[in-house]
Amino acid sequence: MKLQQAQRSQVKLRIGLSGPSGYGKTYSALLLAYGITNDWGKIAVIDTENNSASLYSHLGQFNVLNLDEPYTPARYIQAIKLCEEAGMEVIIVDSISHEWSGKGGCLEMHEQLGGRFQDWSKVTPEHNKFIDALVQSSSHVIATTRRKVDYSLDRDMNGKTKVMKLGTKEITREGFEYELTVNFELINDNHLVKASKDRTGLFMDKPEFIINASTGKKLKAWCTEGVSLEKVKKEISNCHHLGGLKHIYEKYPALSKEIYPLVMQRKTIIENTNSQVIEERKVEQSKTIENGISSQ
């Protein structure tokens, strides 16, 4: 436990984009992704929406991975890793709702186990692995989510039960929004959006607007402020002392998770190099002693 000065580091974007069917989630996500990377070839769409992404192939030569049922968390994770290994800068998961409520998704997994409360102890870890894959991805991630009308049963002044419309609700497990950098909600079929969460401060409490490539450019500019991970990697690779390596690790607490494997790898190299130097010195000292005895 150590008190440290707050430090801004460069981050990967985690963007949510939700709305009912026909409101333009896929189209908006593609424009947003292009603004972030400025290269259609570095964009991948994990498509669970009946090949809907391919309808917009005229926009540019982006990549598509069609994901069919069963929509298990494990299959989503496999698709995300495949996109990362292909070097994609932006991964659009369109949509994550199937992982929760689709064929083979978490709700069906829970039902097949018996539908009891205690059965969530087996399903929740699988869902959490999927969320971790999104949050910890080496790429920027745009996750689209379907929305449905949310209702409640209330009593009026006469004591009669009435069905009350509460607005719309995302079709995924509650709490997903907490993991996001920005969460956009499409509010009508004219593609207008509002930000329901915004860590960047770029869109919160601002008038509704239509997402385009410039929206992605703003987000890219925001996320590249601060300490670069590439810069820290170079510092680690150029370090030749264990004390210096420890200093680098403690210097960038916001990047500790990303640089820990690199630090441990470099630590092993430095220790092996030091051991080799010590052995070489021992051999040299031994030869010096032998030569001294021989000369006598």
C-alpha atoms as a PDB file:
ATOM      1  CA  MET A   1       0.000   0.000   0.000  1.00  0.00           C
ATOM      2  CA  LYS A   2       1.509   3.277  -1.124  1.00  0.00           C
ATOM      3  CA  LEU A   3       0.217   6.831  -1.533  1.00  0.00           C
ATOM      4  CA  GLN A   4       1.155   8.156  -4.967  1.00  0.00           C
ATOM      5  CA  GLN A   5       0.535  11.221  -7.053  1.00  0.00           C
ATOM      6  CA  ALA A   6      -2.310  10.875  -9.564  1.00  0.00           C
ATOM      7  CA  GLN A   7      -1.053  10.347 -13.099  1.00  0.00           C
ATOM      8  CA  ARG A   8      -2.838  10.312 -16.436  1.00  0.00           C
ATOM      9  CA  SER A   9      -1.845   7.498 -18.779  1.00  0.00           C
ATOM     10  CA  GLN A  10      -2.922   6.722 -22.304  1.00  0.00           C
ATOM     11  CA  VAL A  11      -5.823   4.278 -22.382  1.00  0.00           C
ATOM     12  CA  LYS A  12      -7.820   2.113 -24.745  1.00  0.00           C
ATOM     13  CA  LEU A  13     -11.400   3.236 -25.275  1.00  0.00           C
ATOM     14  CA  ARG A  14     -14.331   1.177 -24.006  1.00  0.00           C
ATOM     15  CA  ILE A  15     -17.442   2.600 -25.674  1.00  0.00           C
ATOM     16  CA  GLY A  16     -21.047   1.494 -25.264  1.00  0.00           C
ATOM     17  CA  LEU A  17     -23.671   2.216 -27.924  1.00  0.00           C
ATOM     18  CA  SER A  18     -27.244   1.136 -27.214  1.00  0.00           C
ATOM     19  CA  GLY A  19     -30.644   1.539 -28.824  1.00  0.00           C
ATOM     20  CA  PRO A  20     -33.712  -0.306 -30.106  1.00  0.00           C
ATOM     21  CA  SER A  21     -33.638  -2.114 -33.443  1.00  0.00           C
ATOM     22  CA  GLY A  22     -33.445   0.240 -36.421  1.00  0.00           C
ATOM     23  CA  TYR A  23     -31.945   3.179 -34.560  1.00  0.00           C
ATOM     24  CA  GLY A  24     -28.533   2.905 -36.275  1.00  0.00           C
ATOM     25  CA  LYS A  25     -26.251   1.128 -33.788  1.00  0.00           C
ATOM     26  CA  THR A  26     -24.118  -0.661 -36.381  1.00  0.00           C
ATOM     27  CA  TYR A  27     -23.797   2.318 -38.722  1.00  0.00           C
ATOM     28  CA  SER A  28     -22.917   4.694 -35.874  1.00  0.00           C
ATOM     29  CA  ALA A  29     -20.382   2.223 -34.453  1.00  0.00           C
ATOM     30  CA  LEU A  30     -18.609   1.961 -37.812  1.00  0.00           C
ATOM     31  CA  LEU A  31     -18.330   5.749 -38.219  1.00  0.00           C
ATOM     32  CA  LEU A  32     -17.091   6.015 -34.642  1.00  0.00           C
ATOM     33  CA  ALA A  33     -14.486   3.298 -35.242  1.00  0.00           C
ATOM     34  CA  TYR A  34     -13.216   4.951 -38.421  1.00  0.00           C
ATOM     35  CA  GLY A  35     -12.788   8.246 -36.589  1.00  0.00           C
ATOM     36  CA  ILE A  36     -10.677   6.465 -33.970  1.00  0.00           C
ATOM     37  CA  THR A  37      -8.348   4.614 -36.319  1.00  0.00           C
ATOM     38  CA  ASN A  38      -8.698   6.376 -39.718  1.00  0.00           C
ATOM     39  CA  ASP A  39      -8.124   2.975 -41.359  1.00  0.00           C
ATOM     40  CA  TRP A  40     -11.016   0.698 -42.329  1.00  0.00           C
ATOM     41  CA  GLY A  41      -8.626  -2.239 -42.547  1.00  0.00           C
ATOM     42  CA  LYS A  42      -7.913  -1.978 -38.813  1.00  0.00           C
ATOM     43  CA  ILE A  43     -11.587  -2.308 -37.852  1.00  0.00           C
ATOM     44  CA  ALA A  44     -13.230  -5.656 -37.060  1.00  0.00           C
ATOM     45  CA  VAL A  45     -16.930  -6.254 -36.434  1.00  0.00           C
ATOM     46  CA  ILE A  46     -17.996  -9.294 -34.423  1.00  0.00           C
ATOM     47  CA  ASP A  47     -21.453  -9.568 -35.984  1.00  0.00           C
ATOM     48  CA  THR A  48     -24.272 -11.419 -34.182  1.00  0.00           C
ATOM     49  CA  GLU A  49     -26.991  -9.458 -35.997  1.00  0.00           C
ATOM     50  CA  ASN A  50     -27.562 -11.628 -39.082  1.00  0.00           C
ATOM     51  CA  ASN A  51     -24.738 -10.109 -41.145  1.00  0.00           C
ATOM     52  CA  SER A  52     -26.068  -6.581 -40.644  1.00  0.00           C
ATOM     53  CA  ALA A  53     -22.550  -5.094 -40.681  1.00  0.00           C
ATOM     54  CA  SER A  54     -22.011  -6.230 -44.262  1.00  0.00           C
ATOM     55  CA  LEU A  55     -24.880  -3.964 -45.341  1.00  0.00           C
ATOM     56  CA  TYR A  56     -22.472  -1.073 -44.812  1.00  0.00           C
ATOM     57  CA  SER A  57     -19.542  -2.522 -46.777  1.00  0.00           C
ATOM     58  CA  HIS A  58     -19.765   0.499 -49.072  1.00  0.00           C
ATOM     59  CA  LEU A  59     -18.289   2.620 -46.251  1.00  0.00           C
ATOM     60  CA  GLY A  60     -14.905   0.905 -46.440  1.00  0.00           C
ATOM     61  CA  GLN A  61     -13.044  -2.404 -46.383  1.00  0.00           C
ATOM     62  CA  PHE A  62     -13.511  -3.296 -42.720  1.00  0.00           C
ATOM     63  CA  ASN A  63     -13.326  -6.862 -41.424  1.00  0.00           C
ATOM     64  CA  VAL A  64     -16.270  -8.979 -40.286  1.00  0.00           C
ATOM     65  CA  LEU A  65     -16.419 -12.039 -38.044  1.00  0.00           C
ATOM     66  CA  ASN A  66     -19.923 -13.519 -38.180  1.00  0.00           C
ATOM     67  CA  LEU A  67     -20.735 -15.105 -34.824  1.00  0.00           C
ATOM     68  CA  ASP A  68     -23.635 -17.548 -34.830  1.00  0.00           C
ATOM     69  CA  GLU A  69     -25.324 -19.379 -31.943  1.00  0.00           C
ATOM     70  CA  PRO A  70     -24.629 -20.614 -29.367  1.00  0.00           C
ATOM     71  CA  TYR A  71     -23.799 -17.165 -28.012  1.00  0.00           C
ATOM     72  CA  THR A  72     -21.821 -18.382 -25.016  1.00  0.00           C
ATOM     73  CA  PRO A  73     -19.400 -16.036 -23.216  1.00  0.00           C
ATOM     74  CA  ALA A  74     -16.557 -18.368 -24.229  1.00  0.00           C
ATOM     75  CA  ARG A  75     -17.321 -17.992 -27.963  1.00  0.00           C
ATOM     76  CA  TYR A  76     -17.413 -14.201 -27.641  1.00  0.00           C
ATOM     77  CA  ILE A  77     -14.035 -14.302 -25.878  1.00  0.00           C
ATOM     78  CA  GLN A  78     -12.605 -16.499 -28.636  1.00  0.00           C
ATOM     79  CA  ALA A  79     -13.820 -14.025 -31.276  1.00  0.00           C
ATOM     80  CA  ILE A  80     -12.300 -11.054 -29.421  1.00  0.00           C
ATOM     81  CA  LYS A  81      -8.930 -12.807 -29.119  1.00  0.00           C
ATOM     82  CA  LEU A  82      -8.962 -13.671 -32.818  1.00  0.00           C
ATOM     83  CA  CYS A  83      -9.457  -9.983 -33.677  1.00  0.00           C
ATOM     84  CA  GLU A  84      -6.669  -8.942 -31.304  1.00  0.00           C
ATOM     85  CA  GLU A  85      -4.267 -11.493 -32.803  1.00  0.00           C
ATOM     86  CA  ALA A  86      -5.083 -10.109 -36.269  1.00  0.00           C
ATOM     87  CA  GLY A  87      -3.871  -6.680 -35.118  1.00  0.00           C
ATOM     88  CA  MET A  88      -7.222  -4.909 -35.180  1.00  0.00           C
ATOM     89  CA  GLU A  89      -7.108  -1.430 -33.628  1.00  0.00           C
ATOM     90  CA  VAL A  90     -10.870  -1.228 -33.069  1.00  0.00           C
ATOM     91  CA  ILE A  91     -13.175  -4.158 -32.303  1.00  0.00           C
ATOM     92  CA  ILE A  92     -16.927  -3.604 -32.638  1.00  0.00           C
ATOM     93  CA  VAL A  93     -18.992  -6.233 -30.792  1.00  0.00           C
ATOM     94  CA  ASP A  94     -22.410  -5.968 -32.425  1.00  0.00           C
ATOM     95  CA  SER A  95     -24.137  -6.846 -30.181  1.00  0.00           C
ATOM     96  CA  ILE A  96     -23.348  -8.054 -26.660  1.00  0.00           C
ATOM     97  CA  SER A  97     -27.062  -8.611 -25.906  1.00  0.00           C
ATOM     98  CA  HIS A  98     -26.907 -12.136 -27.323  1.00  0.00           C
ATOM     99  CA  GLU A  99     -24.259 -13.092 -24.744  1.00  0.00           C
ATOM    100  CA  TRP A 100     -26.871 -12.350 -22.079  1.00  0.00           C
ATOM    101  CA  SER A 101     -30.248 -13.263 -23.577  1.00  0.00           C
ATOM    102  CA  GLY A 102     -29.522 -15.078 -26.853  1.00  0.00           C
ATOM    103  CA  LYS A 103     -29.443 -18.772 -27.683  1.00  0.00           C
ATOM    104  CA  GLY A 104     -26.752 -20.313 -25.467  1.00  0.00           C
ATOM    105  CA  GLY A 105     -26.311 -17.031 -23.566  1.00  0.00           C
ATOM    106  CA  CYS A 106     -26.146 -16.547 -19.815  1.00  0.00           C
ATOM    107  CA  LEU A 107     -29.908 -16.570 -19.178  1.00  0.00           C
ATOM    108  CA  GLU A 108     -30.297 -19.850 -21.053  1.00  0.00           C
ATOM    109  CA  MET A 109     -27.244 -21.319 -19.307  1.00  0.00           C
ATOM    110  CA  HIS A 110     -28.826 -20.433 -15.970  1.00  0.00           C
ATOM    111  CA  GLU A 111     -32.153 -21.983 -16.977  1.00  0.00           C
ATOM    112  CA  GLN A 112     -30.492 -25.200 -18.129  1.00  0.00           C
ATOM    113  CA  LEU A 113     -28.756 -25.519 -14.763  1.00  0.00           C
ATOM    114  CA  GLY A 114     -32.129 -25.419 -13.018  1.00  0.00           C
ATOM    115  CA  GLY A 115     -32.932 -21.717 -12.839  1.00  0.00           C
ATOM    116  CA  ARG A 116     -32.199 -21.538  -9.113  1.00  0.00           C
ATOM    117  CA  PHE A 117     -30.507 -18.583  -7.457  1.00  0.00           C
ATOM    118  CA  GLN A 118     -27.487 -20.701  -6.502  1.00  0.00           C
ATOM    119  CA  ASP A 119     -26.997 -21.644 -10.146  1.00  0.00           C
ATOM    120  CA  TRP A 120     -25.751 -18.115 -10.831  1.00  0.00           C
ATOM    121  CA  SER A 121     -22.530 -19.122  -9.040  1.00  0.00           C
ATOM    122  CA  LYS A 122     -21.664 -21.131 -12.172  1.00  0.00           C
ATOM    123  CA  VAL A 123     -22.920 -18.661 -14.770  1.00  0.00           C
ATOM    124  CA  THR A 124     -21.626 -15.389 -13.282  1.00  0.00           C
ATOM    125  CA  PRO A 125     -17.898 -16.331 -13.517  1.00  0.00           C
ATOM    126  CA  GLU A 126     -18.337 -17.081 -17.224  1.00  0.00           C
ATOM    127  CA  HIS A 127     -20.055 -13.733 -17.802  1.00  0.00           C
ATOM    128  CA  ASN A 128     -17.333 -11.944 -15.830  1.00  0.00           C
ATOM    129  CA  LYS A 129     -14.668 -13.515 -18.062  1.00  0.00           C
ATOM    130  CA  PHE A 130     -16.466 -12.022 -21.056  1.00  0.00           C
ATOM    131  CA  ILE A 131     -16.584  -8.571 -19.441  1.00  0.00           C
ATOM    132  CA  ASP A 132     -12.874  -8.872 -18.594  1.00  0.00           C
ATOM    133  CA  ALA A 133     -12.119  -9.711 -22.233  1.00  0.00           C
ATOM    134  CA  LEU A 134     -13.834  -6.477 -23.284  1.00  0.00           C
ATOM    135  CA  VAL A 135     -12.282  -4.308 -20.579  1.00  0.00           C
ATOM    136  CA  GLN A 136      -8.748  -5.707 -20.825  1.00  0.00           C
ATOM    137  CA  SER A 137      -8.574  -5.919 -24.611  1.00  0.00           C
ATOM    138  CA  SER A 138      -5.453  -4.572 -26.298  1.00  0.00           C
ATOM    139  CA  SER A 139      -7.751  -2.919 -28.875  1.00  0.00           C
ATOM    140  CA  HIS A 140     -10.274  -0.121 -28.602  1.00  0.00           C
ATOM    141  CA  VAL A 141     -13.699  -1.720 -28.091  1.00  0.00           C
ATOM    142  CA  ILE A 142     -17.160  -0.520 -29.146  1.00  0.00           C
ATOM    143  CA  ALA A 143     -19.934  -2.699 -27.703  1.00  0.00           C
ATOM    144  CA  THR A 144     -23.457  -2.247 -29.032  1.00  0.00           C
ATOM    145  CA  THR A 145     -26.452  -3.284 -26.939  1.00  0.00           C
ATOM    146  CA  ARG A 146     -30.092  -3.728 -27.781  1.00  0.00           C
ATOM    147  CA  ARG A 147     -32.650  -1.840 -25.717  1.00  0.00           C
ATOM    148  CA  LYS A 148     -36.192  -2.844 -24.800  1.00  0.00           C
ATOM    149  CA  VAL A 149     -39.096  -1.013 -23.155  1.00  0.00           C
ATOM    150  CA  ASP A 150     -39.010  -1.387 -19.364  1.00  0.00           C
ATOM    151  CA  TYR A 151     -42.292  -1.594 -17.417  1.00  0.00           C
ATOM    152  CA  SER A 152     -43.387  -1.668 -13.783  1.00  0.00           C
ATOM    153  CA  LEU A 153     -46.668  -2.464 -12.023  1.00  0.00           C
ATOM    154  CA  ASP A 154     -47.900   0.434  -9.871  1.00  0.00           C
ATOM    155  CA  ARG A 155     -51.125   1.371  -8.126  1.00  0.00           C
ATOM    156  CA  ASP A 156     -52.985   4.576  -8.962  1.00  0.00           C
ATOM    157  CA  MET A 157     -54.841   6.826  -6.517  1.00  0.00           C
ATOM    158  CA  ASN A 158     -57.879   4.507  -6.664  1.00  0.00           C
ATOM    159  CA  GLY A 159     -55.817   1.464  -5.751  1.00  0.00           C
ATOM    160  CA  LYS A 160     -55.980  -0.043  -9.211  1.00  0.00           C
ATOM    161  CA  THR A 161     -52.929  -1.722 -10.645  1.00  0.00           C
ATOM    162  CA  LYS A 162     -51.519  -0.030 -13.739  1.00  0.00           C
ATOM    163  CA  VAL A 163     -48.678  -0.907 -16.082  1.00  0.00           C
ATOM    164  CA  MET A 164     -46.232   1.997 -16.149  1.00  0.00           C
ATOM    165  CA  LYS A 165     -43.688   2.524 -18.926  1.00  0.00           C
ATOM    166  CA  LEU A 166     -40.302   3.443 -17.442  1.00  0.00           C
ATOM    167  CA  GLY A 167     -38.443   4.061 -20.691  1.00  0.00           C
ATOM    168  CA  THR A 168     -35.969   1.623 -22.230  1.00  0.00           C
ATOM    169  CA  LYS A 169     -33.437  -0.701 -20.676  1.00  0.00           C
ATOM    170  CA  GLU A 170     -30.260  -2.278 -22.059  1.00  0.00           C
ATOM    171  CA  ILE A 171     -30.451  -6.026 -22.719  1.00  0.00           C
ATOM    172  CA  THR A 172     -27.394  -7.150 -20.821  1.00  0.00           C
ATOM    173  CA  ARG A 173     -26.515  -7.708 -17.202  1.00  0.00           C
ATOM    174  CA  GLU A 174     -26.959  -4.668 -15.018  1.00  0.00           C
ATOM    175  CA  GLY A 175     -23.733  -2.845 -14.222  1.00  0.00           C
ATOM    176  CA  PHE A 176     -22.066  -3.105 -17.642  1.00  0.00           C
ATOM    177  CA  GLU A 177     -22.119   0.687 -17.993  1.00  0.00           C
ATOM    178  CA  TYR A 178     -19.689   1.032 -15.070  1.00  0.00           C
ATOM    179  CA  GLU A 179     -16.919  -0.548 -17.166  1.00  0.00           C
ATOM    180  CA  LEU A 180     -17.175   1.951 -20.018  1.00  0.00           C
ATOM    181  CA  THR A 181     -15.294   5.119 -20.923  1.00  0.00           C
ATOM    182  CA  VAL A 182     -18.394   6.526 -22.635  1.00  0.00           C
ATOM    183  CA  ASN A 183     -21.889   5.124 -23.022  1.00  0.00           C
ATOM    184  CA  PHE A 184     -24.021   6.525 -25.855  1.00  0.00           C
ATOM    185  CA  GLU A 185     -27.775   5.958 -26.029  1.00  0.00           C
ATOM    186  CA  LEU A 186     -29.531   6.291 -29.393  1.00  0.00           C
ATOM    187  CA  ILE A 187     -32.799   8.061 -28.589  1.00  0.00           C
ATOM    188  CA  ASN A 188     -34.651   7.941 -31.931  1.00  0.00           C
ATOM    189  CA  ASP A 189     -34.504   6.526 -35.450  1.00  0.00           C
ATOM    190  CA  ASN A 190     -32.864   9.729 -36.691  1.00  0.00           C
ATOM    191  CA  HIS A 191     -29.633   8.444 -35.062  1.00  0.00           C
ATOM    192  CA  LEU A 192     -29.561  11.146 -32.375  1.00  0.00           C
ATOM    193  CA  VAL A 193     -27.567  10.107 -29.295  1.00  0.00           C
ATOM    194  CA  LYS A 194     -26.990  11.302 -25.768  1.00  0.00           C
ATOM    195  CA  ALA A 195     -24.285  10.278 -23.310  1.00  0.00           C
ATOM    196  CA  SER A 196     -25.578   8.457 -20.243  1.00  0.00           C
ATOM    197  CA  LYS A 197     -22.014   8.105 -18.925  1.00  0.00           C
ATOM    198  CA  ASP A 198     -18.910  10.031 -19.912  1.00  0.00           C
ATOM    199  CA  ARG A 199     -15.494   9.848 -18.236  1.00  0.00           C
ATOM    200  CA  THR A 200     -14.004  12.096 -20.906  1.00  0.00           C
ATOM    201  CA  GLY A 201     -16.223  15.124 -20.196  1.00  0.00           C
ATOM    202  CA  LEU A 202     -16.615  15.659 -23.941  1.00  0.00           C
ATOM    203  CA  PHE A 203     -20.298  14.776 -24.285  1.00  0.00           C
ATOM    204  CA  MET A 204     -21.998  14.760 -20.883  1.00  0.00           C
ATOM    205  CA  ASP A 205     -24.778  17.328 -20.389  1.00  0.00           C
ATOM    206  CA  LYS A 206     -24.440  18.378 -24.033  1.00  0.00           C
ATOM    207  CA  PRO A 207     -27.309  18.534 -26.585  1.00  0.00           C
ATOM    208  CA  GLU A 208     -28.173  15.372 -28.506  1.00  0.00           C
ATOM    209  CA  PHE A 209     -26.111  14.873 -31.651  1.00  0.00           C
ATOM    210  CA  ILE A 210     -25.458  12.438 -34.494  1.00  0.00           C
ATOM    211  CA  ILE A 211     -22.337  10.296 -34.236  1.00  0.00           C
ATOM    212  CA  ASN A 212     -19.856  10.630 -37.106  1.00  0.00           C
ATOM    213  CA  ALA A 213     -16.136  10.130 -37.691  1.00  0.00           C
ATOM    214  CA  SER A 214     -15.266  13.388 -35.909  1.00  0.00           C
ATOM    215  CA  THR A 215     -16.769  11.926 -32.720  1.00  0.00           C
ATOM    216  CA  GLY A 216     -14.221   9.134 -32.899  1.00  0.00           C
ATOM    217  CA  LYS A 217     -11.407  11.612 -33.556  1.00  0.00           C
ATOM    218  CA  LYS A 218     -12.308  13.540 -30.394  1.00  0.00           C
ATOM    219  CA  LEU A 219     -12.242  10.360 -28.351  1.00  0.00           C
ATOM    220  CA  LYS A 220      -8.919   9.278 -29.885  1.00  0.00           C
ATOM    221  CA  ALA A 221      -7.365  12.646 -29.019  1.00  0.00           C
ATOM    222  CA  TRP A 222      -8.615  12.325 -25.435  1.00  0.00           C
ATOM    223  CA  CYS A 223      -7.325   8.788 -24.895  1.00  0.00           C
ATOM    224  CA  THR A 224      -3.839   9.540 -26.260  1.00  0.00           C
ATOM    225  CA  GLU A 225      -3.188  12.270 -23.701  1.00  0.00           C
ATOM    226  CA  GLY A 226      -0.858  11.369 -20.872  1.00  0.00           C
ATOM    227  CA  VAL A 227       1.894   8.766 -20.539  1.00  0.00           C
ATOM    228  CA  SER A 228       2.333   6.460 -23.534  1.00  0.00           C
ATOM    229  CA  LEU A 229       2.515   2.722 -22.895  1.00  0.00           C
ATOM    230  CA  GLU A 230       5.022   2.418 -25.754  1.00  0.00           C
ATOM    231  CA  LYS A 231       7.269   4.976 -24.050  1.00  0.00           C
ATOM    232  CA  VAL A 232       7.205   2.975 -20.805  1.00  0.00           C
ATOM    233  CA  LYS A 233       7.967  -0.245 -22.691  1.00  0.00           C
ATOM    234  CA  LYS A 234      11.110   1.377 -24.139  1.00  0.00           C
ATOM    235  CA  GLU A 235      12.175   2.491 -20.654  1.00  0.00           C
ATOM    236  CA  ILE A 236      11.844  -1.074 -19.423  1.00  0.00           C
ATOM    237  CA  SER A 237      13.779  -2.594 -22.337  1.00  0.00           C
ATOM    238  CA  ASN A 238      16.612  -0.043 -21.898  1.00  0.00           C
ATOM    239  CA  CYS A 239      16.893  -0.643 -18.133  1.00  0.00           C
ATOM    240  CA  HIS A 240      19.934  -2.667 -16.941  1.00  0.00           C
ATOM    241  CA  HIS A 241      19.571  -2.500 -13.150  1.00  0.00           C
ATOM    242  CA  LEU A 242      17.018  -4.062 -10.824  1.00  0.00           C
ATOM    243  CA  GLY A 243      16.766  -0.843  -8.818  1.00  0.00           C
ATOM    244  CA  GLY A 244      15.937   1.123 -11.958  1.00  0.00           C
ATOM    245  CA  LEU A 245      13.394  -1.480 -12.988  1.00  0.00           C
ATOM    246  CA  LYS A 246      11.622  -1.195  -9.646  1.00  0.00           C
ATOM    247  CA  HIS A 247      11.606   2.588  -9.999  1.00  0.00           C
ATOM    248  CA  ILE A 248       9.950   2.370 -13.442  1.00  0.00           C
ATOM    249  CA  TYR A 249       7.256   0.013 -12.152  1.00  0.00           C
ATOM    250  CA  GLU A 250       6.428   2.261  -9.212  1.00  0.00           C
ATOM    251  CA  LYS A 251       6.567   5.382 -11.382  1.00  0.00           C
ATOM    252  CA  TYR A 252       3.573   4.351 -13.514  1.00  0.00           C
ATOM    253  CA  PRO A 253       0.904   2.882 -11.192  1.00  0.00           C
ATOM    254  CA  ALA A 254      -1.882   3.442 -13.730  1.00  0.00           C
ATOM    255  CA  LEU A 255      -0.096   1.094 -16.145  1.00  0.00           C
ATOM    256  CA  SER A 256       0.963  -1.501 -13.577  1.00  0.00           C
ATOM    257  CA  LYS A 257      -1.274  -4.242 -14.999  1.00  0.00           C
ATOM    258  CA  GLU A 258       0.017  -3.747 -18.557  1.00  0.00           C
ATOM    259  CA  ILE A 259       3.721  -3.473 -17.728  1.00  0.00           C
ATOM    260  CA  TYR A 260       3.982  -6.123 -14.979  1.00  0.00           C
ATOM    261  CA  PRO A 261       4.727  -9.031 -17.380  1.00  0.00           C
ATOM    262  CA  LEU A 262       7.333  -6.903 -19.178  1.00  0.00           C
ATOM    263  CA  VAL A 263       8.959  -5.891 -15.904  1.00  0.00           C
ATOM    264  CA  MET A 264       9.187  -9.530 -14.749  1.00  0.00           C
ATOM    265  CA  GLN A 265      10.613 -10.595 -18.089  1.00  0.00           C
ATOM    266  CA  ARG A 266      13.232  -7.843 -17.972  1.00  0.00           C
ATOM    267  CA  LYS A 267      14.000  -8.710 -14.330  1.00  0.00           C
ATOM    268  CA  THR A 268      14.852 -12.277 -15.371  1.00  0.00           C
ATOM    269  CA  ILE A 269      17.133 -11.031 -18.155  1.00  0.00           C
ATOM    270  CA  ILE A 270      18.966  -8.647 -15.802  1.00  0.00           C
ATOM    271  CA  GLU A 271      19.391 -11.345 -13.141  1.00  0.00           C
ATOM    272  CA  ASN A 272      20.713 -13.833 -15.711  1.00  0.00           C
ATOM    273  CA  THR A 273      23.097 -11.205 -17.098  1.00  0.00           C
ATOM    274  CA  ASN A 274      24.343 -10.358 -13.598  1.00  0.00           C
ATOM    275  CA  SER A 275      24.880 -14.043 -12.821  1.00  0.00           C
ATOM    276  CA  GLN A 276      26.826 -14.485 -16.039  1.00  0.00           C
ATOM    277  CA  VAL A 277      29.007 -11.461 -15.259  1.00  0.00           C
ATOM    278  CA  ILE A 278      29.722 -12.818 -11.765  1.00  0.00           C
ATOM    279  CA  GLU A 279      30.705 -16.229 -13.171  1.00  0.00           C
ATOM    280  CA  GLU A 280      32.979 -14.615 -15.762  1.00  0.00           C
ATOM    281  CA  ARG A 281      34.667 -12.577 -13.029  1.00  0.00           C
ATOM    282  CA  LYS A 282      35.190 -15.700 -10.958  1.00  0.00           C
ATOM    283  CA  VAL A 283      36.798 -17.421 -13.934  1.00  0.00           C
ATOM    284  CA  GLU A 284      39.063 -14.415 -14.553  1.00  0.00           C
ATOM    285  CA  GLN A 285      40.078 -14.254 -10.884  1.00  0.00           C
ATOM    286  CA  SER A 286      40.792 -17.977 -10.895  1.00  0.00           C
ATOM    287  CA  LYS A 287      42.987 -17.647 -13.979  1.00  0.00           C
ATOM    288  CA  THR A 288      44.826 -14.677 -12.426  1.00  0.00           C
ATOM    289  CA  ILE A 289      45.566 -16.738  -9.310  1.00  0.00           C
ATOM    290  CA  GLU A 290      46.698 -19.739 -11.378  1.00  0.00           C
ATOM    291  CA  ASN A 291      48.977 -17.519 -13.481  1.00  0.00           C
ATOM    292  CA  GLY A 292      50.460 -16.018 -10.311  1.00  0.00           C
ATOM    293  CA  ILE A 293      51.195 -19.433  -8.853  1.00  0.00           C
ATOM    294  CA  SER A 294      52.711 -20.641 -12.136  1.00  0.00           C
ATOM    295  CA  SER A 295      55.033 -17.639 -12.357  1.00  0.00           C
ATOM    296  CA  GLN A 296      56.366 -18.415  -8.910  1.00  0.00           C
END
